[in-house]
N, C-alpha and C. Protein backbone atom coordinates (compact mmCIF):
# COMPACT_ATOMS: atom_id res chain seq x y z
N MET A 1 0.84 -1.18 0.00
CA MET A 1 0.00 0.00 0.00
C MET A 1 0.88 1.24 0.00
N ASN A 2 0.54 2.18 -0.83
CA ASN A 2 1.31 3.40 -0.97
C ASN A 2 0.53 4.62 -0.47
N ASN A 3 0.02 4.51 0.70
CA ASN A 3 -0.78 5.59 1.27
C ASN A 3 0.07 6.44 2.21
N PRO A 4 -0.32 7.70 2.42
CA PRO A 4 0.43 8.53 3.37
C PRO A 4 0.28 8.00 4.79
N TRP A 5 1.30 8.23 5.59
CA TRP A 5 1.30 7.72 6.96
C TRP A 5 0.11 8.22 7.77
N HIS A 6 -0.33 9.45 7.52
CA HIS A 6 -1.43 10.01 8.30
C HIS A 6 -2.76 9.31 8.01
N LEU A 7 -2.88 8.71 6.84
CA LEU A 7 -4.07 7.92 6.53
C LEU A 7 -4.11 6.68 7.43
N TYR A 8 -2.96 6.05 7.62
CA TYR A 8 -2.88 4.89 8.51
C TYR A 8 -3.18 5.28 9.96
N VAL A 9 -2.72 6.46 10.36
CA VAL A 9 -3.00 6.94 11.72
C VAL A 9 -4.50 7.10 11.90
N MET A 10 -5.15 7.75 10.92
CA MET A 10 -6.59 7.95 11.02
C MET A 10 -7.32 6.61 11.05
N ALA A 11 -6.97 5.71 10.17
CA ALA A 11 -7.62 4.40 10.14
C ALA A 11 -7.45 3.69 11.48
N PHE A 12 -6.24 3.71 12.01
CA PHE A 12 -5.97 3.06 13.29
C PHE A 12 -6.80 3.68 14.41
N ILE A 13 -6.92 5.00 14.43
CA ILE A 13 -7.71 5.69 15.46
C ILE A 13 -9.16 5.20 15.44
N TYR A 14 -9.76 5.13 14.25
CA TYR A 14 -11.17 4.72 14.18
C TYR A 14 -11.35 3.24 14.48
N ILE A 15 -10.42 2.41 14.03
CA ILE A 15 -10.52 0.98 14.33
C ILE A 15 -10.39 0.75 15.83
N LEU A 16 -9.41 1.40 16.45
CA LEU A 16 -9.22 1.26 17.90
C LEU A 16 -10.42 1.81 18.66
N ALA A 17 -10.92 2.97 18.25
CA ALA A 17 -12.10 3.54 18.92
C ALA A 17 -13.29 2.60 18.80
N GLY A 18 -13.46 2.00 17.63
CA GLY A 18 -14.56 1.05 17.44
C GLY A 18 -14.43 -0.18 18.32
N ILE A 19 -13.22 -0.69 18.44
CA ILE A 19 -12.98 -1.85 19.31
C ILE A 19 -13.31 -1.50 20.77
N MET A 20 -12.97 -0.28 21.16
CA MET A 20 -13.23 0.14 22.54
C MET A 20 -14.72 0.14 22.89
N HIS A 21 -15.59 0.27 21.88
CA HIS A 21 -17.03 0.20 22.14
C HIS A 21 -17.42 -1.17 22.67
N PHE A 22 -16.64 -2.19 22.31
CA PHE A 22 -16.92 -3.55 22.77
C PHE A 22 -16.15 -3.89 24.04
N VAL A 23 -14.98 -3.31 24.20
CA VAL A 23 -14.15 -3.58 25.37
C VAL A 23 -14.67 -2.83 26.60
N LYS A 24 -15.06 -1.58 26.43
CA LYS A 24 -15.53 -0.72 27.52
C LYS A 24 -16.87 -0.06 27.16
N PRO A 25 -17.91 -0.84 26.93
CA PRO A 25 -19.18 -0.23 26.50
C PRO A 25 -19.79 0.71 27.54
N LYS A 26 -19.51 0.50 28.82
CA LYS A 26 -20.10 1.36 29.86
C LYS A 26 -19.65 2.81 29.70
N VAL A 27 -18.42 3.02 29.24
CA VAL A 27 -17.93 4.38 29.02
C VAL A 27 -18.82 5.11 28.03
N TYR A 28 -19.19 4.42 26.96
CA TYR A 28 -20.01 5.02 25.91
C TYR A 28 -21.47 5.10 26.32
N LEU A 29 -21.93 4.12 27.09
CA LEU A 29 -23.31 4.15 27.56
C LEU A 29 -23.57 5.33 28.49
N ARG A 30 -22.56 5.73 29.27
CA ARG A 30 -22.72 6.85 30.20
C ARG A 30 -22.94 8.17 29.49
N ILE A 31 -22.47 8.29 28.27
CA ILE A 31 -22.58 9.59 27.58
C ILE A 31 -23.65 9.59 26.49
N MET A 32 -24.43 8.53 26.43
CA MET A 32 -25.50 8.48 25.43
C MET A 32 -26.63 9.42 25.83
N PRO A 33 -27.06 10.27 24.91
CA PRO A 33 -28.20 11.16 25.23
C PRO A 33 -29.43 10.35 25.61
N ARG A 34 -30.09 10.79 26.64
CA ARG A 34 -31.27 10.07 27.16
C ARG A 34 -32.41 10.00 26.14
N TYR A 35 -32.46 10.96 25.24
CA TYR A 35 -33.57 10.99 24.29
C TYR A 35 -33.40 9.99 23.14
N LEU A 36 -32.23 9.34 23.05
CA LEU A 36 -32.04 8.31 22.03
C LEU A 36 -32.44 6.95 22.58
N PRO A 37 -33.11 6.14 21.77
CA PRO A 37 -33.50 4.80 22.23
C PRO A 37 -32.36 3.79 22.04
N PHE A 38 -32.51 2.62 22.60
CA PHE A 38 -31.62 1.49 22.36
C PHE A 38 -30.13 1.84 22.56
N HIS A 39 -29.82 2.31 23.73
CA HIS A 39 -28.45 2.77 24.00
C HIS A 39 -27.39 1.71 23.71
N LYS A 40 -27.58 0.53 24.25
CA LYS A 40 -26.56 -0.52 24.07
C LYS A 40 -26.38 -0.85 22.59
N GLU A 41 -27.48 -0.98 21.90
CA GLU A 41 -27.41 -1.32 20.48
C GLU A 41 -26.73 -0.21 19.67
N LEU A 42 -27.02 1.04 20.01
CA LEU A 42 -26.39 2.16 19.31
C LEU A 42 -24.89 2.23 19.59
N VAL A 43 -24.49 1.93 20.81
CA VAL A 43 -23.07 1.92 21.14
C VAL A 43 -22.36 0.83 20.32
N LEU A 44 -22.95 -0.35 20.28
CA LEU A 44 -22.33 -1.45 19.52
C LEU A 44 -22.34 -1.17 18.02
N LEU A 45 -23.43 -0.62 17.53
CA LEU A 45 -23.53 -0.28 16.11
C LEU A 45 -22.50 0.78 15.73
N SER A 46 -22.34 1.79 16.57
CA SER A 46 -21.34 2.82 16.26
C SER A 46 -19.93 2.24 16.33
N GLY A 47 -19.71 1.27 17.19
CA GLY A 47 -18.41 0.60 17.23
C GLY A 47 -18.13 -0.16 15.95
N VAL A 48 -19.12 -0.89 15.47
CA VAL A 48 -18.98 -1.61 14.20
C VAL A 48 -18.73 -0.62 13.07
N ALA A 49 -19.48 0.47 13.06
CA ALA A 49 -19.31 1.48 12.01
C ALA A 49 -17.90 2.05 12.03
N GLU A 50 -17.38 2.38 13.20
CA GLU A 50 -16.03 2.93 13.28
C GLU A 50 -14.99 1.94 12.77
N ILE A 51 -15.15 0.68 13.12
CA ILE A 51 -14.20 -0.35 12.66
C ILE A 51 -14.26 -0.48 11.14
N LEU A 52 -15.46 -0.61 10.59
CA LEU A 52 -15.61 -0.78 9.15
C LEU A 52 -15.14 0.44 8.37
N LEU A 53 -15.46 1.62 8.87
CA LEU A 53 -15.02 2.84 8.19
C LEU A 53 -13.51 2.99 8.27
N GLY A 54 -12.93 2.64 9.40
CA GLY A 54 -11.47 2.68 9.53
C GLY A 54 -10.81 1.72 8.55
N ILE A 55 -11.34 0.53 8.42
CA ILE A 55 -10.81 -0.44 7.45
C ILE A 55 -11.01 0.08 6.03
N GLY A 56 -12.15 0.70 5.77
CA GLY A 56 -12.44 1.23 4.44
C GLY A 56 -11.44 2.28 3.98
N LEU A 57 -10.79 2.96 4.91
CA LEU A 57 -9.79 3.97 4.54
C LEU A 57 -8.56 3.36 3.88
N PHE A 58 -8.28 2.10 4.16
CA PHE A 58 -7.08 1.46 3.62
C PHE A 58 -7.13 1.23 2.11
N PHE A 59 -8.32 1.16 1.56
CA PHE A 59 -8.47 0.77 0.16
C PHE A 59 -8.94 1.94 -0.70
N LYS A 60 -8.25 2.15 -1.79
CA LYS A 60 -8.56 3.26 -2.69
C LYS A 60 -10.01 3.21 -3.16
N GLU A 61 -10.51 2.01 -3.38
CA GLU A 61 -11.87 1.84 -3.90
C GLU A 61 -12.95 2.25 -2.89
N THR A 62 -12.63 2.17 -1.61
CA THR A 62 -13.63 2.48 -0.58
C THR A 62 -13.29 3.72 0.25
N ARG A 63 -12.16 4.34 -0.03
CA ARG A 63 -11.68 5.46 0.80
C ARG A 63 -12.64 6.64 0.81
N THR A 64 -13.15 7.04 -0.35
CA THR A 64 -14.05 8.19 -0.39
C THR A 64 -15.35 7.88 0.36
N LEU A 65 -15.90 6.70 0.16
CA LEU A 65 -17.12 6.31 0.87
C LEU A 65 -16.87 6.26 2.38
N ALA A 66 -15.73 5.69 2.78
CA ALA A 66 -15.38 5.61 4.19
C ALA A 66 -15.20 7.02 4.76
N SER A 67 -14.58 7.91 4.00
CA SER A 67 -14.38 9.29 4.47
C SER A 67 -15.72 9.99 4.68
N PHE A 68 -16.64 9.85 3.73
CA PHE A 68 -17.97 10.44 3.91
C PHE A 68 -18.71 9.79 5.07
N GLY A 69 -18.52 8.49 5.26
CA GLY A 69 -19.12 7.80 6.40
C GLY A 69 -18.59 8.35 7.72
N ILE A 70 -17.29 8.59 7.78
CA ILE A 70 -16.68 9.15 8.99
C ILE A 70 -17.20 10.56 9.24
N ILE A 71 -17.29 11.35 8.19
CA ILE A 71 -17.82 12.71 8.33
C ILE A 71 -19.25 12.68 8.87
N THR A 72 -20.07 11.82 8.31
CA THR A 72 -21.45 11.68 8.78
C THR A 72 -21.49 11.25 10.23
N MET A 73 -20.67 10.27 10.57
CA MET A 73 -20.62 9.77 11.93
C MET A 73 -20.19 10.88 12.90
N LEU A 74 -19.18 11.65 12.53
CA LEU A 74 -18.72 12.74 13.39
C LEU A 74 -19.79 13.81 13.57
N LEU A 75 -20.55 14.08 12.52
CA LEU A 75 -21.65 15.04 12.64
C LEU A 75 -22.73 14.53 13.59
N VAL A 76 -23.04 13.24 13.49
CA VAL A 76 -24.02 12.64 14.40
C VAL A 76 -23.49 12.67 15.84
N PHE A 77 -22.19 12.40 16.00
CA PHE A 77 -21.59 12.39 17.33
C PHE A 77 -21.60 13.77 17.99
N LEU A 78 -21.80 14.83 17.20
CA LEU A 78 -21.94 16.16 17.78
C LEU A 78 -23.10 16.19 18.77
N LEU A 79 -24.12 15.37 18.52
CA LEU A 79 -25.25 15.27 19.46
C LEU A 79 -24.75 14.89 20.85
N VAL A 80 -23.83 13.93 20.89
CA VAL A 80 -23.28 13.47 22.16
C VAL A 80 -22.48 14.60 22.81
N HIS A 81 -21.68 15.31 22.01
CA HIS A 81 -20.86 16.39 22.56
C HIS A 81 -21.75 17.49 23.17
N PHE A 82 -22.79 17.87 22.47
CA PHE A 82 -23.69 18.90 23.00
C PHE A 82 -24.47 18.38 24.21
N TYR A 83 -24.85 17.13 24.18
CA TYR A 83 -25.55 16.53 25.32
C TYR A 83 -24.65 16.56 26.56
N MET A 84 -23.38 16.25 26.39
CA MET A 84 -22.46 16.24 27.51
C MET A 84 -22.29 17.64 28.11
N LEU A 85 -22.47 18.66 27.30
CA LEU A 85 -22.39 20.03 27.79
C LEU A 85 -23.66 20.47 28.52
N SER A 86 -24.72 19.70 28.37
CA SER A 86 -26.04 20.12 28.85
C SER A 86 -26.21 20.04 30.37
N SER A 87 -25.46 19.18 31.04
CA SER A 87 -25.61 19.07 32.49
C SER A 87 -24.38 18.44 33.11
N GLU A 88 -24.28 18.59 34.41
CA GLU A 88 -23.15 18.02 35.15
C GLU A 88 -23.17 16.50 35.05
N LYS A 89 -24.35 15.90 35.17
CA LYS A 89 -24.46 14.44 35.10
C LYS A 89 -24.08 13.93 33.70
N ALA A 90 -24.52 14.62 32.66
CA ALA A 90 -24.24 14.19 31.29
C ALA A 90 -22.77 14.35 30.94
N SER A 91 -22.05 15.22 31.67
CA SER A 91 -20.65 15.47 31.34
C SER A 91 -19.74 14.31 31.69
N ALA A 92 -20.26 13.32 32.42
CA ALA A 92 -19.51 12.12 32.78
C ALA A 92 -18.23 12.47 33.55
N GLY A 93 -18.25 13.60 34.26
CA GLY A 93 -17.11 13.97 35.08
C GLY A 93 -16.02 14.76 34.37
N PHE A 94 -16.19 14.99 33.08
CA PHE A 94 -15.19 15.77 32.34
C PHE A 94 -15.35 17.25 32.66
N PRO A 95 -14.23 17.97 32.82
CA PRO A 95 -14.34 19.42 33.02
C PRO A 95 -14.96 20.09 31.79
N LYS A 96 -15.68 21.18 32.03
CA LYS A 96 -16.35 21.89 30.92
C LYS A 96 -15.37 22.33 29.83
N TRP A 97 -14.16 22.75 30.21
CA TRP A 97 -13.21 23.23 29.19
C TRP A 97 -12.82 22.12 28.23
N ILE A 98 -12.75 20.89 28.72
CA ILE A 98 -12.44 19.76 27.83
C ILE A 98 -13.61 19.52 26.89
N LEU A 99 -14.82 19.59 27.42
CA LEU A 99 -16.00 19.37 26.59
C LEU A 99 -16.11 20.44 25.50
N TRP A 100 -15.78 21.68 25.84
CA TRP A 100 -15.81 22.75 24.83
C TRP A 100 -14.68 22.56 23.82
N ALA A 101 -13.52 22.10 24.28
CA ALA A 101 -12.37 21.90 23.38
C ALA A 101 -12.64 20.79 22.37
N ARG A 102 -13.51 19.86 22.72
CA ARG A 102 -13.81 18.76 21.81
C ARG A 102 -14.57 19.23 20.56
N LEU A 103 -15.29 20.33 20.68
CA LEU A 103 -16.08 20.80 19.53
C LEU A 103 -15.19 21.23 18.36
N PRO A 104 -14.18 22.08 18.57
CA PRO A 104 -13.30 22.40 17.43
C PRO A 104 -12.49 21.18 16.97
N LEU A 105 -12.18 20.29 17.91
CA LEU A 105 -11.49 19.06 17.52
C LEU A 105 -12.34 18.26 16.55
N GLN A 106 -13.63 18.23 16.79
CA GLN A 106 -14.55 17.52 15.91
C GLN A 106 -14.49 18.10 14.49
N ILE A 107 -14.42 19.42 14.40
CA ILE A 107 -14.34 20.09 13.09
C ILE A 107 -13.03 19.71 12.40
N LEU A 108 -11.94 19.66 13.16
CA LEU A 108 -10.66 19.25 12.58
C LEU A 108 -10.69 17.81 12.09
N LEU A 109 -11.35 16.93 12.85
CA LEU A 109 -11.47 15.53 12.43
C LEU A 109 -12.31 15.42 11.15
N ILE A 110 -13.33 16.23 11.04
CA ILE A 110 -14.15 16.24 9.82
C ILE A 110 -13.30 16.70 8.63
N TYR A 111 -12.54 17.76 8.83
CA TYR A 111 -11.65 18.25 7.77
C TYR A 111 -10.63 17.18 7.38
N TRP A 112 -10.07 16.52 8.36
CA TRP A 112 -9.08 15.46 8.11
C TRP A 112 -9.70 14.36 7.25
N ALA A 113 -10.90 13.91 7.61
CA ALA A 113 -11.57 12.88 6.81
C ALA A 113 -11.86 13.38 5.40
N TYR A 114 -12.27 14.64 5.29
CA TYR A 114 -12.60 15.19 3.98
C TYR A 114 -11.36 15.27 3.08
N SER A 115 -10.20 15.39 3.67
CA SER A 115 -8.98 15.50 2.88
C SER A 115 -8.69 14.24 2.08
N TYR A 116 -9.34 13.13 2.38
CA TYR A 116 -9.13 11.89 1.63
C TYR A 116 -10.23 11.62 0.60
N VAL A 117 -11.15 12.56 0.46
CA VAL A 117 -12.22 12.40 -0.51
C VAL A 117 -11.68 12.71 -1.91
N LYS A 118 -11.93 11.83 -2.84
CA LYS A 118 -11.53 12.03 -4.24
C LYS A 118 -12.78 11.95 -5.10
N PHE A 119 -13.00 13.00 -5.88
CA PHE A 119 -14.18 13.04 -6.77
C PHE A 119 -13.80 12.56 -8.15
């Protein structure tokens, strides 16, 4: 494979994050917005999605689709970020400054994924 090193870093991050949904599901269950149904199923589904999208980045044929999938996933995950800002209990013990710092990080991650889109 002749891909840039940062593509492998991104793929590894999403694959590892997806695996963590199965290794430590309680961490993800604690930050699920109460208004969403089927918390456990959504945590596991998002873990599968992260793993598959991370793997999809490795292949030229699926990279653009995987990148758009990651962008979509990150946009949906903004719900979780805003939910965590909504109350002390929802913050899962994270300081407010970290929760606010995650929002621009999310935008950077979206830009990073978009950088691999080829039309």
